[in-house]
Amino acid sequence: MSDYDLPDSLRYSIEDEWTRSDGKRVTIGVSDYAQQQLGDIVFVELPEVGRSFDKGDPFGVIESVKAVSDLFAPIGGEVVEVNQALTETPESVNEDCYGDGWMIVVEPSDPKEIDALLDRAGYAQHIKDRE
C-alpha cells in the first residue's frame, strides 16, 4: 500500500476518483492508484462547463496505452471549471494527479454526498481488497 500517494485531505470514490472541497466548489481527479493502474495517459475527454451530473454518472473518458476507461462523478453537481490543459498534456495526470492533473471543478448539488465518500483509510482498504 505504501506504493500509492493517498493524501489524507481528500475523499475517494470506489471508482478511483478523488475530491477536494474548496468552500462551495469541489475539485475532482483520478487517484494515484488509478493513474498507476492505467499506465501512460495519452488522452483525456472532459465535459463542457455548465454540464450537470448525478453521482455515479460518467463525466468523461481517460485513455492510456493500456486501456480506455470512463470517469465517474463521485458526487452530483454542475461543472464550473474544466482543466483544458489536459487536452494538450494528458500526461499531467501521471505526473501530478492531485495537482496539475486535476480534471473538473463542480458546484455540488448535494454537499452531503462528499461525506459518503471514502477517507484515506477506507480507500486504502478498498484498494487492498481488490489486489
C-alpha atoms as a PDB file:
ATOM      1  CA  MET A   1       0.000   0.000   0.000  1.00  0.00           C
ATOM      2  CA  SER A   2       2.902   2.397   0.511  1.00  0.00           C
ATOM      3  CA  ASP A   3       3.284   2.482  -3.275  1.00  0.00           C
ATOM      4  CA  TYR A   4       0.326   4.865  -3.616  1.00  0.00           C
ATOM      5  CA  ASP A   5       0.129   8.528  -2.664  1.00  0.00           C
ATOM      6  CA  LEU A   6      -3.231   8.975  -0.931  1.00  0.00           C
ATOM      7  CA  PRO A   7      -3.478  12.407   0.736  1.00  0.00           C
ATOM      8  CA  ASP A   8      -5.437  12.492   3.997  1.00  0.00           C
ATOM      9  CA  SER A   9      -7.137  15.742   2.970  1.00  0.00           C
ATOM     10  CA  LEU A  10      -9.057  14.131   0.088  1.00  0.00           C
ATOM     11  CA  ARG A  11     -12.132  11.895  -0.177  1.00  0.00           C
ATOM     12  CA  TYR A  12     -12.214   8.993  -2.638  1.00  0.00           C
ATOM     13  CA  SER A  13     -14.801   7.071  -4.649  1.00  0.00           C
ATOM     14  CA  ILE A  14     -14.760   3.319  -5.208  1.00  0.00           C
ATOM     15  CA  GLU A  15     -14.297   4.143  -8.922  1.00  0.00           C
ATOM     16  CA  ASP A  16     -10.900   5.742  -8.030  1.00  0.00           C
ATOM     17  CA  GLU A  17     -11.762   9.429  -8.317  1.00  0.00           C
ATOM     18  CA  TRP A  18     -10.699  11.888  -5.622  1.00  0.00           C
ATOM     19  CA  THR A  19     -12.442  15.035  -4.399  1.00  0.00           C
ATOM     20  CA  ARG A  20     -11.091  18.138  -2.689  1.00  0.00           C
ATOM     21  CA  SER A  21     -13.569  20.617  -1.214  1.00  0.00           C
ATOM     22  CA  ASP A  22     -12.735  24.299  -1.534  1.00  0.00           C
ATOM     23  CA  GLY A  23     -15.651  26.118   0.028  1.00  0.00           C
ATOM     24  CA  LYS A  24     -18.669  25.687  -2.246  1.00  0.00           C
ATOM     25  CA  ARG A  25     -16.687  24.016  -5.028  1.00  0.00           C
ATOM     26  CA  VAL A  26     -15.216  20.546  -5.327  1.00  0.00           C
ATOM     27  CA  THR A  27     -12.222  19.649  -7.487  1.00  0.00           C
ATOM     28  CA  ILE A  28     -12.214  16.123  -8.950  1.00  0.00           C
ATOM     29  CA  GLY A  29      -9.496  13.971 -10.476  1.00  0.00           C
ATOM     30  CA  VAL A  30      -8.282  10.370 -10.551  1.00  0.00           C
ATOM     31  CA  SER A  31      -6.252   8.859  -7.735  1.00  0.00           C
ATOM     32  CA  ASP A  32      -2.605   7.893  -7.802  1.00  0.00           C
ATOM     33  CA  TYR A  33      -3.739   4.262  -7.688  1.00  0.00           C
ATOM     34  CA  ALA A  34      -5.891   4.775 -10.810  1.00  0.00           C
ATOM     35  CA  GLN A  35      -3.214   6.520 -12.821  1.00  0.00           C
ATOM     36  CA  GLN A  36      -0.654   3.835 -11.932  1.00  0.00           C
ATOM     37  CA  GLN A  37      -3.063   1.082 -12.972  1.00  0.00           C
ATOM     38  CA  LEU A  38      -3.813   2.822 -16.261  1.00  0.00           C
ATOM     39  CA  GLY A  39      -0.198   3.477 -17.191  1.00  0.00           C
ATOM     40  CA  ASP A  40       0.814   6.279 -19.543  1.00  0.00           C
ATOM     41  CA  ILE A  41      -2.187   8.571 -20.114  1.00  0.00           C
ATOM     42  CA  VAL A  42      -2.469   9.635 -23.757  1.00  0.00           C
ATOM     43  CA  PHE A  43      -5.928  11.253 -23.928  1.00  0.00           C
ATOM     44  CA  VAL A  44      -8.498  12.789 -21.584  1.00  0.00           C
ATOM     45  CA  GLU A  45     -12.020  13.780 -22.654  1.00  0.00           C
ATOM     46  CA  LEU A  46     -13.797  16.083 -20.223  1.00  0.00           C
ATOM     47  CA  PRO A  47     -17.288  17.659 -20.185  1.00  0.00           C
ATOM     48  CA  GLU A  48     -18.136  21.253 -21.028  1.00  0.00           C
ATOM     49  CA  VAL A  49     -18.636  23.878 -18.339  1.00  0.00           C
ATOM     50  CA  GLY A  50     -22.321  24.052 -17.427  1.00  0.00           C
ATOM     51  CA  ARG A  51     -22.952  20.322 -17.768  1.00  0.00           C
ATOM     52  CA  SER A  52     -24.601  18.652 -14.758  1.00  0.00           C
ATOM     53  CA  PHE A  53     -24.160  15.122 -13.478  1.00  0.00           C
ATOM     54  CA  ASP A  54     -25.677  12.904 -10.847  1.00  0.00           C
ATOM     55  CA  LYS A  55     -23.432  10.923  -8.546  1.00  0.00           C
ATOM     56  CA  GLY A  56     -22.136   7.873 -10.417  1.00  0.00           C
ATOM     57  CA  ASP A  57     -22.745   9.272 -13.910  1.00  0.00           C
ATOM     58  CA  PRO A  58     -19.878   9.065 -16.403  1.00  0.00           C
ATOM     59  CA  PHE A  59     -18.422  12.558 -16.891  1.00  0.00           C
ATOM     60  CA  GLY A  60     -15.551  11.833 -19.230  1.00  0.00           C
ATOM     61  CA  VAL A  61     -13.079   9.345 -20.645  1.00  0.00           C
ATOM     62  CA  ILE A  62      -9.436   8.660 -19.878  1.00  0.00           C
ATOM     63  CA  GLU A  63      -7.288   6.701 -22.314  1.00  0.00           C
ATOM     64  CA  SER A  64      -3.907   5.162 -21.656  1.00  0.00           C
ATOM     65  CA  VAL A  65      -1.596   2.928 -23.615  1.00  0.00           C
ATOM     66  CA  LYS A  66      -3.287   0.018 -21.795  1.00  0.00           C
ATOM     67  CA  ALA A  67      -6.983   0.855 -21.677  1.00  0.00           C
ATOM     68  CA  VAL A  68      -9.859   3.276 -22.184  1.00  0.00           C
ATOM     69  CA  SER A  69     -11.911   3.963 -19.062  1.00  0.00           C
ATOM     70  CA  ASP A  70     -14.925   6.066 -18.188  1.00  0.00           C
ATOM     71  CA  LEU A  71     -14.590   8.687 -15.460  1.00  0.00           C
ATOM     72  CA  PHE A  72     -17.448   8.603 -12.947  1.00  0.00           C
ATOM     73  CA  ALA A  73     -18.771  11.552 -10.955  1.00  0.00           C
ATOM     74  CA  PRO A  74     -18.094  10.875  -7.260  1.00  0.00           C
ATOM     75  CA  ILE A  75     -20.752  13.486  -6.420  1.00  0.00           C
ATOM     76  CA  GLY A  76     -23.527  15.188  -8.328  1.00  0.00           C
ATOM     77  CA  GLY A  77     -23.292  18.786  -9.442  1.00  0.00           C
ATOM     78  CA  GLU A  78     -22.670  21.298 -12.198  1.00  0.00           C
ATOM     79  CA  VAL A  79     -19.287  21.605 -13.875  1.00  0.00           C
ATOM     80  CA  VAL A  80     -17.946  25.150 -13.313  1.00  0.00           C
ATOM     81  CA  GLU A  81     -14.370  24.618 -14.481  1.00  0.00           C
ATOM     82  CA  VAL A  82     -12.518  22.135 -16.708  1.00  0.00           C
ATOM     83  CA  ASN A  83      -8.768  21.535 -16.852  1.00  0.00           C
ATOM     84  CA  GLN A  84      -8.317  22.385 -20.538  1.00  0.00           C
ATOM     85  CA  ALA A  85      -4.544  21.873 -20.211  1.00  0.00           C
ATOM     86  CA  LEU A  86      -5.146  18.101 -20.183  1.00  0.00           C
ATOM     87  CA  THR A  87      -6.105  18.308 -23.871  1.00  0.00           C
ATOM     88  CA  GLU A  88      -2.505  19.181 -24.718  1.00  0.00           C
ATOM     89  CA  THR A  89      -0.744  17.465 -21.802  1.00  0.00           C
ATOM     90  CA  PRO A  90      -2.756  14.420 -20.667  1.00  0.00           C
ATOM     91  CA  GLU A  91       0.444  13.039 -19.108  1.00  0.00           C
ATOM     92  CA  SER A  92      -0.074  15.596 -16.298  1.00  0.00           C
ATOM     93  CA  VAL A  93      -2.420  13.004 -14.792  1.00  0.00           C
ATOM     94  CA  ASN A  94       0.542  10.626 -14.424  1.00  0.00           C
ATOM     95  CA  GLU A  95       2.964  13.296 -13.278  1.00  0.00           C
ATOM     96  CA  ASP A  96       0.790  15.109 -10.713  1.00  0.00           C
ATOM     97  CA  CYS A  97      -2.695  13.601 -10.399  1.00  0.00           C
ATOM     98  CA  TYR A  98      -3.558  15.727  -7.335  1.00  0.00           C
ATOM     99  CA  GLY A  99      -2.108  18.960  -8.749  1.00  0.00           C
ATOM    100  CA  ASP A 100      -1.778  19.824 -12.443  1.00  0.00           C
ATOM    101  CA  GLY A 101      -3.637  16.603 -13.341  1.00  0.00           C
ATOM    102  CA  TRP A 102      -6.974  17.659 -11.786  1.00  0.00           C
ATOM    103  CA  MET A 103      -9.938  17.243 -14.133  1.00  0.00           C
ATOM    104  CA  ILE A 104     -13.043  19.233 -13.258  1.00  0.00           C
ATOM    105  CA  VAL A 105     -14.465  21.547 -10.609  1.00  0.00           C
ATOM    106  CA  VAL A 106     -18.129  21.198  -9.693  1.00  0.00           C
ATOM    107  CA  GLU A 107     -20.645  23.021  -7.565  1.00  0.00           C
ATOM    108  CA  PRO A 108     -22.250  20.099  -5.708  1.00  0.00           C
ATOM    109  CA  SER A 109     -25.993  19.601  -5.944  1.00  0.00           C
ATOM    110  CA  ASP A 110     -25.876  17.883  -2.529  1.00  0.00           C
ATOM    111  CA  PRO A 111     -22.722  18.639  -0.498  1.00  0.00           C
ATOM    112  CA  LYS A 112     -23.607  15.769   1.863  1.00  0.00           C
ATOM    113  CA  GLU A 113     -22.616  13.312  -0.889  1.00  0.00           C
ATOM    114  CA  ILE A 114     -18.984  14.114  -0.099  1.00  0.00           C
ATOM    115  CA  ASP A 115     -19.470  12.673   3.403  1.00  0.00           C
ATOM    116  CA  ALA A 116     -20.424   9.316   1.857  1.00  0.00           C
ATOM    117  CA  LEU A 117     -17.080   9.044   0.044  1.00  0.00           C
ATOM    118  CA  LEU A 118     -14.157   7.085   1.457  1.00  0.00           C
ATOM    119  CA  ASP A 119     -11.492   8.667   3.607  1.00  0.00           C
ATOM    120  CA  ARG A 120      -7.843   7.730   3.096  1.00  0.00           C
ATOM    121  CA  ALA A 121      -8.023   4.623   5.306  1.00  0.00           C
ATOM    122  CA  GLY A 122     -11.240   3.401   3.716  1.00  0.00           C
ATOM    123  CA  TYR A 123      -9.899   3.902   0.209  1.00  0.00           C
ATOM    124  CA  ALA A 124      -6.597   2.208   1.082  1.00  0.00           C
ATOM    125  CA  GLN A 125      -8.599  -0.795   2.328  1.00  0.00           C
ATOM    126  CA  HIS A 126     -10.689  -0.748  -0.865  1.00  0.00           C
ATOM    127  CA  ILE A 127      -7.502  -0.921  -2.958  1.00  0.00           C
ATOM    128  CA  LYS A 128      -6.098  -3.702  -0.784  1.00  0.00           C
ATOM    129  CA  ASP A 129      -9.317  -5.714  -1.130  1.00  0.00           C
ATOM    130  CA  ARG A 130      -9.066  -5.531  -4.929  1.00  0.00           C
ATOM    131  CA  GLU A 131      -5.401  -6.502  -5.193  1.00  0.00           C
END
